[in-house]
N, C-alpha and C. Protein backbone atom coordinates (compact mmCIF):
# COMPACT_ATOMS: atom_id res chain seq x y z
N ILE A 1 133.08 116.16 28.03
CA ILE A 1 133.71 114.85 27.82
C ILE A 1 132.70 113.95 26.99
N LEU A 2 131.34 114.25 27.03
CA LEU A 2 130.47 113.54 26.36
C LEU A 2 130.60 113.89 24.79
N LEU A 3 130.86 115.05 24.52
CA LEU A 3 131.08 115.42 23.20
C LEU A 3 132.39 114.62 22.47
N GLN A 4 133.44 114.73 23.28
CA GLN A 4 134.67 114.01 23.02
C GLN A 4 134.28 112.55 22.57
N PHE A 5 133.46 111.92 23.52
CA PHE A 5 133.13 110.46 23.30
C PHE A 5 132.56 110.23 21.96
N PHE A 6 131.56 111.13 21.65
CA PHE A 6 130.86 110.94 20.35
C PHE A 6 131.57 111.36 19.19
N ALA A 7 132.58 112.32 19.42
CA ALA A 7 133.52 112.49 18.32
C ALA A 7 134.39 111.30 17.96
N VAL A 8 134.96 110.75 18.92
CA VAL A 8 135.67 109.50 18.87
C VAL A 8 134.88 108.33 18.24
N LEU A 9 133.63 108.27 18.64
CA LEU A 9 132.78 107.17 18.06
C LEU A 9 132.48 107.42 16.63
N LEU A 10 132.16 108.62 16.32
CA LEU A 10 131.93 109.01 14.84
C LEU A 10 133.14 108.75 14.00
N PHE A 11 134.39 109.16 14.53
CA PHE A 11 135.62 108.98 13.93
C PHE A 11 135.80 107.56 13.53
N SER A 12 135.73 106.74 14.54
CA SER A 12 135.84 105.29 14.42
C SER A 12 134.83 104.72 13.30
N ALA A 13 133.74 105.11 13.49
CA ALA A 13 132.68 104.49 12.56
C ALA A 13 132.91 104.93 11.09
N ILE A 14 133.36 106.16 10.95
CA ILE A 14 133.69 106.55 9.49
C ILE A 14 134.89 105.85 9.07
N GLY A 15 135.89 105.71 9.92
CA GLY A 15 137.21 104.99 9.68
C GLY A 15 136.94 103.57 9.35
N GLY A 16 135.90 102.99 10.09
CA GLY A 16 135.50 101.61 9.77
C GLY A 16 134.84 101.29 8.40
N LEU A 17 134.27 102.39 7.86
CA LEU A 17 133.67 102.24 6.59
C LEU A 17 134.63 102.22 5.39
N ILE A 18 135.77 102.77 5.51
CA ILE A 18 136.69 102.90 4.54
C ILE A 18 137.18 101.49 4.11
N PRO A 19 137.70 100.62 4.92
CA PRO A 19 138.17 99.25 4.48
C PRO A 19 137.04 98.55 3.85
N ALA A 20 135.88 98.59 4.47
CA ALA A 20 134.72 97.85 3.79
C ALA A 20 134.44 98.32 2.38
N THR A 21 134.43 99.58 2.16
CA THR A 21 134.29 100.24 0.89
C THR A 21 135.35 99.86 -0.13
N LEU A 22 136.62 99.87 0.37
CA LEU A 22 137.70 99.41 -0.46
C LEU A 22 137.48 98.01 -1.05
N PHE A 23 137.30 97.04 -0.03
CA PHE A 23 137.23 95.73 -0.41
C PHE A 23 136.04 95.47 -1.34
N PHE A 24 134.82 96.27 -1.14
CA PHE A 24 133.73 96.12 -2.15
C PHE A 24 134.14 96.65 -3.52
N LEU A 25 134.91 97.79 -3.61
CA LEU A 25 135.31 98.32 -4.83
C LEU A 25 136.32 97.28 -5.52
N ALA A 26 137.16 96.65 -4.80
CA ALA A 26 138.07 95.71 -5.30
C ALA A 26 137.44 94.60 -6.11
N VAL A 27 136.45 94.11 -5.48
CA VAL A 27 135.63 93.03 -6.10
C VAL A 27 134.86 93.61 -7.35
N THR A 28 134.37 94.65 -7.28
CA THR A 28 133.53 95.41 -8.35
C THR A 28 134.54 95.69 -9.44
N PHE A 29 135.61 96.40 -9.32
CA PHE A 29 136.33 96.94 -10.28
C PHE A 29 137.73 96.09 -10.68
N SER A 30 137.86 94.95 -10.05
CA SER A 30 138.99 94.04 -10.48
C SER A 30 139.02 93.84 -11.91
N PRO A 31 140.03 93.49 -12.64
CA PRO A 31 140.00 93.34 -14.18
C PRO A 31 139.18 92.16 -14.54
N GLY A 32 139.19 91.13 -13.63
CA GLY A 32 138.42 89.94 -13.96
C GLY A 32 138.24 89.14 -12.71
N SER A 33 137.50 88.09 -12.75
CA SER A 33 137.24 87.35 -11.60
C SER A 33 138.43 86.59 -11.03
N GLN A 34 139.52 86.24 -11.98
CA GLN A 34 140.65 85.58 -11.52
C GLN A 34 141.65 86.49 -10.86
N THR A 35 141.33 87.91 -10.96
CA THR A 35 142.37 88.78 -10.28
C THR A 35 141.76 89.62 -9.10
N ILE A 36 140.64 89.10 -8.55
CA ILE A 36 140.10 89.68 -7.32
C ILE A 36 141.01 89.67 -6.16
N ALA A 37 141.61 88.45 -6.02
CA ALA A 37 142.56 88.26 -4.96
C ALA A 37 143.82 89.21 -4.94
N SER A 38 144.31 89.28 -6.10
CA SER A 38 145.55 90.16 -6.35
C SER A 38 145.18 91.65 -6.16
N THR A 39 144.01 92.06 -6.71
CA THR A 39 143.40 93.34 -6.48
C THR A 39 143.31 93.76 -4.98
N VAL A 40 142.65 92.86 -4.24
CA VAL A 40 142.54 92.94 -2.86
C VAL A 40 143.91 93.09 -2.17
N GLY A 41 144.85 92.24 -2.64
CA GLY A 41 146.26 92.44 -2.15
C GLY A 41 146.91 93.68 -2.27
N TRP A 42 146.77 94.21 -3.57
CA TRP A 42 147.36 95.51 -3.79
C TRP A 42 146.67 96.58 -3.00
N ILE A 43 145.47 96.60 -2.85
CA ILE A 43 144.85 97.55 -2.01
C ILE A 43 145.26 97.47 -0.58
N GLN A 44 145.41 96.24 0.02
CA GLN A 44 145.98 96.02 1.31
C GLN A 44 147.33 96.55 1.47
N GLN A 45 148.22 96.31 0.52
CA GLN A 45 149.54 96.77 0.59
C GLN A 45 149.68 98.34 0.57
N CYS A 46 148.86 98.88 -0.40
CA CYS A 46 148.86 100.35 -0.60
C CYS A 46 148.40 101.03 0.79
N SER A 47 147.34 100.41 1.27
CA SER A 47 146.84 100.94 2.49
C SER A 47 147.70 100.85 3.74
N SER A 48 148.40 99.77 3.81
CA SER A 48 149.42 99.52 4.80
C SER A 48 150.60 100.46 4.71
N LEU A 49 150.98 100.82 3.35
CA LEU A 49 152.05 101.64 3.15
C LEU A 49 151.80 103.11 3.57
N GLY A 50 150.42 103.39 3.23
CA GLY A 50 149.99 104.77 3.68
C GLY A 50 149.85 104.94 5.15
N GLN A 51 149.48 103.82 5.91
CA GLN A 51 149.42 103.94 7.26
C GLN A 51 150.81 103.98 7.89
N PHE A 52 151.87 103.44 7.25
CA PHE A 52 153.19 103.38 7.78
C PHE A 52 153.74 104.74 7.49
N LEU A 53 153.68 105.23 6.24
CA LEU A 53 154.43 106.42 5.88
C LEU A 53 153.76 107.71 6.13
N GLY A 54 152.27 107.77 6.27
CA GLY A 54 151.55 108.93 6.41
C GLY A 54 151.84 109.59 7.70
N PRO A 55 151.68 109.01 8.92
CA PRO A 55 152.05 109.88 10.19
C PRO A 55 153.47 110.42 10.22
N PRO A 56 154.48 109.70 9.85
CA PRO A 56 155.82 110.40 9.86
C PRO A 56 155.82 111.69 8.81
N ALA A 57 155.13 111.41 7.70
CA ALA A 57 155.19 112.62 6.63
C ALA A 57 154.49 113.81 7.18
N VAL A 58 153.30 113.50 7.96
CA VAL A 58 152.50 114.62 8.56
C VAL A 58 153.29 115.28 9.64
N ALA A 59 154.02 114.51 10.51
CA ALA A 59 154.81 114.84 11.53
C ALA A 59 155.97 115.78 10.84
N TRP A 60 156.64 115.38 9.82
CA TRP A 60 157.57 116.16 9.15
C TRP A 60 157.11 117.58 8.81
N VAL A 61 155.89 117.62 8.14
CA VAL A 61 155.18 118.78 7.80
C VAL A 61 155.06 119.63 8.96
N VAL A 62 154.53 119.17 10.09
CA VAL A 62 154.32 119.83 11.39
C VAL A 62 155.58 120.41 11.96
N ASN A 63 156.71 119.61 11.90
CA ASN A 63 157.94 120.18 12.34
C ASN A 63 158.51 121.26 11.38
N LEU A 64 158.36 121.01 10.14
CA LEU A 64 158.81 121.94 9.23
C LEU A 64 158.06 123.43 9.31
N LEU A 65 156.69 123.27 9.66
CA LEU A 65 155.94 124.43 9.56
C LEU A 65 155.81 125.03 11.02
N GLY A 66 156.26 124.36 12.02
CA GLY A 66 156.29 124.98 13.22
C GLY A 66 155.12 124.65 14.17
N GLY A 67 154.20 123.81 13.95
CA GLY A 67 153.32 123.61 14.84
C GLY A 67 152.12 122.65 14.30
N TRP A 68 151.26 122.03 15.25
CA TRP A 68 150.26 121.16 14.82
C TRP A 68 149.17 121.92 13.98
N GLN A 69 149.06 123.20 14.13
CA GLN A 69 148.01 123.82 13.48
C GLN A 69 148.08 123.79 11.97
N TRP A 70 149.18 123.31 11.43
CA TRP A 70 149.43 123.12 10.06
C TRP A 70 149.29 121.66 9.74
N SER A 71 149.02 120.77 10.54
CA SER A 71 148.87 119.33 10.23
C SER A 71 147.89 118.97 8.99
N TRP A 72 146.91 119.92 8.99
CA TRP A 72 145.95 119.67 7.80
C TRP A 72 146.62 119.95 6.36
N VAL A 73 147.74 120.65 6.46
CA VAL A 73 148.48 120.73 5.14
C VAL A 73 148.86 119.45 4.64
N GLY A 74 149.51 118.61 5.42
CA GLY A 74 149.93 117.27 5.08
C GLY A 74 148.75 116.43 4.62
N THR A 75 147.73 116.44 5.41
CA THR A 75 146.58 115.61 5.15
C THR A 75 145.88 116.06 3.81
N MET A 76 145.88 117.31 3.58
CA MET A 76 145.25 117.71 2.26
C MET A 76 146.19 117.49 1.20
N VAL A 77 147.49 117.48 1.24
CA VAL A 77 148.29 117.03 0.23
C VAL A 77 148.11 115.55 -0.16
N PHE A 78 148.00 114.75 0.88
CA PHE A 78 147.90 113.26 0.54
C PHE A 78 146.42 113.06 -0.07
N ALA A 79 145.40 113.77 0.43
CA ALA A 79 144.15 113.72 -0.16
C ALA A 79 143.97 114.06 -1.65
N LEU A 80 144.73 115.23 -1.89
CA LEU A 80 144.68 115.66 -3.28
C LEU A 80 145.58 114.66 -4.16
N LEU A 81 146.62 114.15 -3.66
CA LEU A 81 147.41 113.12 -4.44
C LEU A 81 146.58 111.95 -4.88
N GLY A 82 145.74 111.48 -3.91
CA GLY A 82 144.81 110.43 -4.06
C GLY A 82 143.84 110.78 -5.15
N LEU A 83 143.14 111.96 -5.05
CA LEU A 83 142.24 112.23 -6.10
C LEU A 83 142.93 112.45 -7.51
N VAL A 84 144.11 112.92 -7.60
CA VAL A 84 144.73 112.96 -8.87
C VAL A 84 145.09 111.59 -9.43
N MET A 85 145.44 110.57 -8.50
CA MET A 85 145.77 109.35 -8.97
C MET A 85 144.37 108.63 -9.53
N VAL A 86 143.27 108.79 -8.71
CA VAL A 86 141.99 108.29 -9.23
C VAL A 86 141.60 108.78 -10.49
N TRP A 87 141.85 110.20 -10.66
CA TRP A 87 141.40 110.94 -11.89
C TRP A 87 142.25 110.39 -13.05
N GLN A 88 143.49 110.04 -12.85
CA GLN A 88 144.44 109.54 -14.06
C GLN A 88 143.96 108.24 -14.27
N LEU A 89 143.59 107.35 -13.38
CA LEU A 89 143.08 105.96 -13.64
C LEU A 89 141.77 106.00 -14.49
N LYS A 90 140.94 106.92 -14.20
CA LYS A 90 139.66 107.17 -14.86
C LYS A 90 139.90 107.60 -16.28
N LEU A 91 140.84 108.52 -16.50
CA LEU A 91 141.23 109.07 -17.79
C LEU A 91 141.87 108.05 -18.61
N SER A 92 142.65 107.18 -17.99
CA SER A 92 143.42 106.05 -18.85
C SER A 92 142.52 104.88 -19.11
N ASN A 93 141.26 104.77 -18.64
CA ASN A 93 140.34 103.73 -18.89
C ASN A 93 140.96 102.35 -18.39
N VAL A 94 141.81 102.42 -17.30
CA VAL A 94 142.32 101.19 -16.76
C VAL A 94 141.26 100.40 -15.89
N VAL A 95 140.46 101.17 -15.27
CA VAL A 95 139.36 100.64 -14.52
C VAL A 95 138.31 99.98 -15.38
N HIS A 96 138.02 98.69 -15.03
CA HIS A 96 136.87 97.92 -15.84
C HIS A 96 136.11 97.22 -14.58
N ARG A 97 134.83 97.08 -14.92
CA ARG A 97 134.17 96.30 -13.87
C ARG A 97 134.38 94.70 -14.25
N ALA A 98 134.39 94.02 -13.11
CA ALA A 98 134.67 92.49 -13.23
C ALA A 98 133.30 91.89 -13.78
N GLN A 99 133.60 90.84 -14.53
CA GLN A 99 132.37 90.11 -15.23
C GLN A 99 131.87 89.11 -14.30
């Protein structure tokens, strides 16, 4: 039970780093100082959308494939989609550092 406690603690600590990192990146990479608030808003909206749609999508994959042992498939697909979107942003030179 001690191992489970530390696993939950580690999971929560890492999960807590994600919002802080995203808000730091929003300030750093927003198109300009006048658009920081809207950039943070977009990040918050997309994060909330992912938290709302992600679990049902993973549950759908689990139901489709017949068990929770396949839940990593849904998680992996979403992670890869995120990486592809970041790669496309990098290639299109949309991302600029705020002045």
